[in-house]
C-alpha atoms as a PDB file:
ATOM      1  CA  MET A   1       8.537   2.143  21.281  1.00  0.00           C
ATOM      2  CA  ASN A   2       5.515  -0.215  21.364  1.00  0.00           C
ATOM      3  CA  ARG A   3       4.281   2.014  18.396  1.00  0.00           C
ATOM      4  CA  PHE A   4       7.346   0.754  16.610  1.00  0.00           C
ATOM      5  CA  TRP A   5       7.250  -2.584  17.278  1.00  0.00           C
ATOM      6  CA  THR A   6       3.216  -2.565  16.076  1.00  0.00           C
ATOM      7  CA  THR A   7       4.368  -1.057  12.772  1.00  0.00           C
ATOM      8  CA  VAL A   8       6.755  -3.953  12.197  1.00  0.00           C
ATOM      9  CA  GLY A   9       4.641  -6.399  13.076  1.00  0.00           C
ATOM     10  CA  ALA A  10       2.311  -4.938  10.338  1.00  0.00           C
ATOM     11  CA  ILE A  11       4.994  -5.015   7.978  1.00  0.00           C
ATOM     12  CA  LEU A  12       6.570  -8.194   8.572  1.00  0.00           C
ATOM     13  CA  ALA A  13       2.448  -9.747   8.451  1.00  0.00           C
ATOM     14  CA  ALA A  14       1.718  -8.088   5.208  1.00  0.00           C
ATOM     15  CA  ILE A  15       4.759  -9.457   3.481  1.00  0.00           C
ATOM     16  CA  VAL A  16       4.075 -12.850   5.101  1.00  0.00           C
ATOM     17  CA  VAL A  17       0.735 -12.963   3.493  1.00  0.00           C
ATOM     18  CA  GLN A  18       2.437 -11.443   0.359  1.00  0.00           C
ATOM     19  CA  VAL A  19       4.322 -14.109  -0.031  1.00  0.00           C
ATOM     20  CA  VAL A  20       2.350 -17.206   1.517  1.00  0.00           C
ATOM     21  CA  LEU A  21      -1.288 -16.123   0.456  1.00  0.00           C
ATOM     22  CA  ALA A  22      -1.918 -13.806  -1.600  1.00  0.00           C
ATOM     23  CA  PRO A  23      -1.188 -16.070  -4.984  1.00  0.00           C
ATOM     24  CA  HIS A  24      -3.944 -18.111  -3.696  1.00  0.00           C
ATOM     25  CA  LEU A  25      -6.314 -14.973  -3.736  1.00  0.00           C
ATOM     26  CA  ALA A  26      -6.103 -14.098  -7.689  1.00  0.00           C
ATOM     27  CA  LEU A  27      -9.348 -13.109  -9.304  1.00  0.00           C
ATOM     28  CA  PHE A  28      -9.240 -12.904 -12.891  1.00  0.00           C
ATOM     29  CA  GLY A  29      -5.200 -13.429 -12.748  1.00  0.00           C
ATOM     30  CA  SER A  30      -4.634 -10.277 -10.799  1.00  0.00           C
ATOM     31  CA  ILE A  31      -3.061 -10.867  -6.863  1.00  0.00           C
ATOM     32  CA  PRO A  32      -3.343  -7.863  -4.324  1.00  0.00           C
ATOM     33  CA  SER A  33      -0.534  -6.368  -2.707  1.00  0.00           C
ATOM     34  CA  PHE A  34      -0.702  -6.613   1.117  1.00  0.00           C
ATOM     35  CA  PRO A  35       2.497  -4.515   1.911  1.00  0.00           C
ATOM     36  CA  VAL A  36       0.822  -1.331  -0.094  1.00  0.00           C
ATOM     37  CA  LEU A  37      -2.304  -1.820   2.035  1.00  0.00           C
ATOM     38  CA  VAL A  38      -0.307  -1.690   4.912  1.00  0.00           C
ATOM     39  CA  VAL A  39       1.501   1.148   3.624  1.00  0.00           C
ATOM     40  CA  ILE A  40      -1.453   3.561   2.657  1.00  0.00           C
ATOM     41  CA  THR A  41      -3.138   3.485   5.780  1.00  0.00           C
ATOM     42  CA  LEU A  42      -0.085   3.588   7.862  1.00  0.00           C
ATOM     43  CA  ALA A  43       0.649   7.073   6.044  1.00  0.00           C
ATOM     44  CA  ILE A  44      -3.304   7.996   6.615  1.00  0.00           C
ATOM     45  CA  VAL A  45      -2.531   7.498  10.118  1.00  0.00           C
ATOM     46  CA  GLU A  46       0.192   8.680  10.996  1.00  0.00           C
ATOM     47  CA  GLY A  47       1.276  11.161   7.932  1.00  0.00           C
ATOM     48  CA  PRO A  48       4.074  11.626   5.257  1.00  0.00           C
ATOM     49  CA  GLU A  49       6.965  10.902   6.985  1.00  0.00           C
ATOM     50  CA  ALA A  50       6.100   7.212   8.854  1.00  0.00           C
ATOM     51  CA  GLY A  51       4.760   6.368   5.306  1.00  0.00           C
ATOM     52  CA  ALA A  52       7.753   7.039   3.526  1.00  0.00           C
ATOM     53  CA  VAL A  53       9.902   5.116   6.059  1.00  0.00           C
ATOM     54  CA  SER A  54       7.422   1.911   5.919  1.00  0.00           C
ATOM     55  CA  GLY A  55       7.252   2.104   2.615  1.00  0.00           C
ATOM     56  CA  PHE A  56      10.924   2.124   2.050  1.00  0.00           C
ATOM     57  CA  ALA A  57      10.886  -0.732   4.474  1.00  0.00           C
ATOM     58  CA  ALA A  58       8.085  -3.088   3.294  1.00  0.00           C
ATOM     59  CA  GLY A  59       9.219  -2.135  -0.584  1.00  0.00           C
ATOM     60  CA  LEU A  60      13.072  -3.446   0.556  1.00  0.00           C
ATOM     61  CA  MET A  61      11.400  -6.567   2.199  1.00  0.00           C
ATOM     62  CA  LEU A  62       9.534  -7.595  -1.382  1.00  0.00           C
ATOM     63  CA  ASP A  63      12.826  -6.710  -3.845  1.00  0.00           C
ATOM     64  CA  LEU A  64      14.778  -9.085  -1.494  1.00  0.00           C
ATOM     65  CA  LEU A  65      11.818 -11.499  -1.863  1.00  0.00           C
ATOM     66  CA  GLY A  66      10.798 -11.166  -5.394  1.00  0.00           C
ATOM     67  CA  THR A  67      12.569 -11.632  -8.794  1.00  0.00           C
ATOM     68  CA  SER A  68      12.740  -7.790  -9.712  1.00  0.00           C
ATOM     69  CA  PRO A  69      15.614  -5.820  -9.689  1.00  0.00           C
ATOM     70  CA  VAL A  70      16.214  -4.634  -6.326  1.00  0.00           C
ATOM     71  CA  GLY A  71      14.977  -1.265  -5.028  1.00  0.00           C
ATOM     72  CA  VAL A  72      12.184  -0.781  -7.803  1.00  0.00           C
ATOM     73  CA  TRP A  73       9.632  -1.278  -4.821  1.00  0.00           C
ATOM     74  CA  ALA A  74      11.565   0.200  -2.549  1.00  0.00           C
ATOM     75  CA  LEU A  75      11.487   3.705  -4.736  1.00  0.00           C
ATOM     76  CA  VAL A  76       7.672   3.045  -5.143  1.00  0.00           C
ATOM     77  CA  LEU A  77       6.818   2.615  -1.780  1.00  0.00           C
ATOM     78  CA  VAL A  78       8.704   5.269  -0.576  1.00  0.00           C
ATOM     79  CA  ILE A  79       6.675   7.953  -2.743  1.00  0.00           C
ATOM     80  CA  VAL A  80       3.415   6.312  -2.729  1.00  0.00           C
ATOM     81  CA  GLY A  81       3.719   6.676   1.317  1.00  0.00           C
ATOM     82  CA  TYR A  82       4.571  10.137   1.552  1.00  0.00           C
ATOM     83  CA  VAL A  83       2.276  11.048  -1.220  1.00  0.00           C
ATOM     84  CA  ALA A  84      -0.848   9.226   0.423  1.00  0.00           C
ATOM     85  CA  GLY A  85       0.409  10.893   3.644  1.00  0.00           C
ATOM     86  CA  LEU A  86       0.253  14.445   2.003  1.00  0.00           C
ATOM     87  CA  LEU A  87      -3.387  13.544   0.721  1.00  0.00           C
ATOM     88  CA  GLN A  88      -4.272  12.946   4.441  1.00  0.00           C
ATOM     89  CA  GLU A  89      -2.768  15.869   5.667  1.00  0.00           C
ATOM     90  CA  ASN A  90      -4.348  18.193   2.709  1.00  0.00           C
ATOM     91  CA  LEU A  91      -7.854  16.908   2.579  1.00  0.00           C
ATOM     92  CA  PHE A  92      -9.890  17.635   4.951  1.00  0.00           C
ATOM     93  CA  ALA A  93     -12.912  14.835   4.727  1.00  0.00           C
ATOM     94  CA  GLU A  94     -13.799  12.998   7.178  1.00  0.00           C
ATOM     95  CA  GLY A  95     -15.356   9.360   7.575  1.00  0.00           C
ATOM     96  CA  TRP A  96     -15.005   6.461   5.266  1.00  0.00           C
ATOM     97  CA  LEU A  97     -14.524   8.619   1.800  1.00  0.00           C
ATOM     98  CA  MET A  98     -11.369  10.204   2.143  1.00  0.00           C
ATOM     99  CA  PRO A  99      -9.664   6.742   2.946  1.00  0.00           C
ATOM    100  CA  PHE A 100     -11.327   5.633   0.293  1.00  0.00           C
ATOM    101  CA  THR A 101     -10.280   8.474  -2.166  1.00  0.00           C
ATOM    102  CA  VAL A 102      -6.295   7.837  -0.695  1.00  0.00           C
ATOM    103  CA  ALA A 103      -6.620   4.223  -1.393  1.00  0.00           C
ATOM    104  CA  ILE A 104      -7.732   4.822  -5.148  1.00  0.00           C
ATOM    105  CA  VAL A 105      -4.812   7.257  -5.916  1.00  0.00           C
ATOM    106  CA  ALA A 106      -2.331   5.661  -4.284  1.00  0.00           C
ATOM    107  CA  GLY A 107      -3.069   1.814  -5.144  1.00  0.00           C
ATOM    108  CA  LEU A 108      -2.914   3.024  -8.598  1.00  0.00           C
ATOM    109  CA  LEU A 109       0.063   4.860  -8.405  1.00  0.00           C
ATOM    110  CA  ALA A 110       2.195   2.190  -6.883  1.00  0.00           C
ATOM    111  CA  GLU A 111       1.090  -0.332  -9.677  1.00  0.00           C
ATOM    112  CA  PHE A 112       1.644   2.418 -12.746  1.00  0.00           C
ATOM    113  CA  SER A 113       4.555   3.767 -10.446  1.00  0.00           C
ATOM    114  CA  TYR A 114       6.155   0.155 -10.664  1.00  0.00           C
ATOM    115  CA  LEU A 115       5.308  -0.440 -14.229  1.00  0.00           C
ATOM    116  CA  LEU A 116       7.131   2.532 -15.040  1.00  0.00           C
ATOM    117  CA  VAL A 117      10.382   2.010 -13.399  1.00  0.00           C
ATOM    118  CA  LEU A 118      10.453  -1.380 -14.853  1.00  0.00           C
ATOM    119  CA  GLN A 119      10.077   0.399 -18.358  1.00  0.00           C
ATOM    120  CA  VAL A 120      12.919   2.921 -17.540  1.00  0.00           C
ATOM    121  CA  LEU A 121      15.287  -0.238 -16.317  1.00  0.00           C
ATOM    122  CA  GLY A 122      14.295  -1.872 -19.944  1.00  0.00           C
ATOM    123  CA  SER A 123      12.223  -4.959 -18.532  1.00  0.00           C
ATOM    124  CA  GLY A 124      10.703  -5.488 -22.023  1.00  0.00           C
ATOM    125  CA  LEU A 125       7.493  -5.766 -20.791  1.00  0.00           C
ATOM    126  CA  ALA A 126       4.450  -4.273 -23.194  1.00  0.00           C
ATOM    127  CA  PHE A 127       3.292  -0.785 -21.453  1.00  0.00           C
ATOM    128  CA  TRP A 128      -0.442  -0.676 -22.938  1.00  0.00           C
ATOM    129  CA  ASN A 129      -0.935  -4.148 -22.074  1.00  0.00           C
ATOM    130  CA  SER A 130       0.291  -4.163 -18.942  1.00  0.00           C
ATOM    131  CA  VAL A 131      -1.594  -1.432 -18.004  1.00  0.00           C
ATOM    132  CA  TRP A 132      -4.776  -2.771 -18.954  1.00  0.00           C
ATOM    133  CA  THR A 133      -3.999  -6.541 -17.528  1.00  0.00           C
ATOM    134  CA  VAL A 134      -2.198  -5.970 -14.456  1.00  0.00           C
ATOM    135  CA  VAL A 135      -2.051  -1.953 -12.746  1.00  0.00           C
ATOM    136  CA  LEU A 136      -5.905  -1.564 -13.349  1.00  0.00           C
ATOM    137  CA  PRO A 137      -6.951  -4.950 -12.404  1.00  0.00           C
ATOM    138  CA  ARG A 138      -4.633  -4.895  -9.286  1.00  0.00           C
ATOM    139  CA  GLY A 139      -5.694  -1.205  -8.793  1.00  0.00           C
ATOM    140  CA  VAL A 140      -8.980  -1.996  -8.164  1.00  0.00           C
ATOM    141  CA  TYR A 141      -8.347  -5.266  -6.278  1.00  0.00           C
ATOM    142  CA  ASN A 142      -6.664  -3.739  -3.765  1.00  0.00           C
ATOM    143  CA  THR A 143      -8.918  -0.572  -3.397  1.00  0.00           C
ATOM    144  CA  VAL A 144     -11.753  -3.076  -2.635  1.00  0.00           C
ATOM    145  CA  LEU A 145      -9.319  -4.505   0.027  1.00  0.00           C
ATOM    146  CA  ALA A 146      -8.239  -1.339   1.298  1.00  0.00           C
ATOM    147  CA  LEU A 147     -12.477  -0.557   1.840  1.00  0.00           C
ATOM    148  CA  LEU A 148     -12.520  -4.019   3.894  1.00  0.00           C
ATOM    149  CA  PHE A 149      -9.754  -4.011   5.842  1.00  0.00           C
ATOM    150  CA  TYR A 150      -8.506   0.006   6.367  1.00  0.00           C
ATOM    151  CA  PRO A 151     -10.519   0.202   9.494  1.00  0.00           C
ATOM    152  CA  TRP A 152      -9.141  -2.622  11.047  1.00  0.00           C
ATOM    153  CA  LEU A 153      -5.678  -1.865  10.374  1.00  0.00           C
ATOM    154  CA  ALA A 154      -6.544   1.641  10.601  1.00  0.00           C
ATOM    155  CA  ARG A 155      -7.238   1.116  14.447  1.00  0.00           C
ATOM    156  CA  LEU A 156      -4.337  -1.786  15.060  1.00  0.00           C
ATOM    157  CA  LEU A 157      -1.917   1.267  13.634  1.00  0.00           C
ATOM    158  CA  ARG A 158      -3.207   4.655  15.407  1.00  0.00           C
ATOM    159  CA  SER A 159      -0.682   5.789  18.328  1.00  0.00           C
ATOM    160  CA  ASP A 160      -3.919   6.872  20.210  1.00  0.00           C
ATOM    161  CA  ARG A 161      -5.791   3.785  20.753  1.00  0.00           C
ATOM    162  CA  SER A 162      -8.990   5.417  22.741  1.00  0.00           C
ATOM    163  CA  MET A 163     -11.151   5.018  19.094  1.00  0.00           C
ATOM    164  CA  LYS A 164     -14.336   3.589  20.194  1.00  0.00           C
ATOM    165  CA  SER A 165     -16.008   2.457  17.460  1.00  0.00           C
ATOM    166  CA  PHE A 166     -15.457   2.757  13.341  1.00  0.00           C
ATOM    167  CA  ARG A 167     -17.515   5.856  13.082  1.00  0.00           C
ATOM    168  CA  ARG A 168     -14.816   7.884  12.125  1.00  0.00           C
ATOM    169  CA  PHE A 169     -12.207   5.341   9.987  1.00  0.00           C
ATOM    170  CA  ALA A 170      -9.203   8.136   9.942  1.00  0.00           C
END
C-alpha cells in the first residue's frame, strides 16, 4: 500500500508543479512537462502496466485542468507509459544510457502524439509549424530534465528501496 501512495504523491506533485511552476520555467517559449517525466520514470522502473495506469491518471488530471479536449492527454500518456515500459523490458542495457534513450523516445512520442490527436480532432493548428516550434523543443527540454531528475525520481518510485548509490540508475 505504501507503493500506491508514493505513486499518487509523485503524480499529484508533478501536476501541481506543472500548473504552478512550469509556466515560469519556459525556455525559448517551451515549457517542460513534469507529468510526462513522472510517467516515463514510473514505466521504466515498474514496467508497462504501471506506466499505463499512471499515464491515465496523470493525463486525466492534466485534461481536467487544461483547456484541451478531455481525454487527449489521458490517451497519449497511457500509450507513452506503456511503450516506455515495454522499451525498458526489452532493452538489456544498464546505466544512464538506457533511461536517457527511453526518455528521448517517450518524450518525443508524447508530444508528437498529442499534436497528432489534436490534429485528428480538428484543432486547426499548423502541423509542421507546431512540430518545429513546440514538439521538438519541448521534447529536448523534457529529455534534459529527465537526465537530471531521473536518478532521484527512480529512487523515490522504486518498489525496493535497497539502492545504495546512483551507479545503476534503473
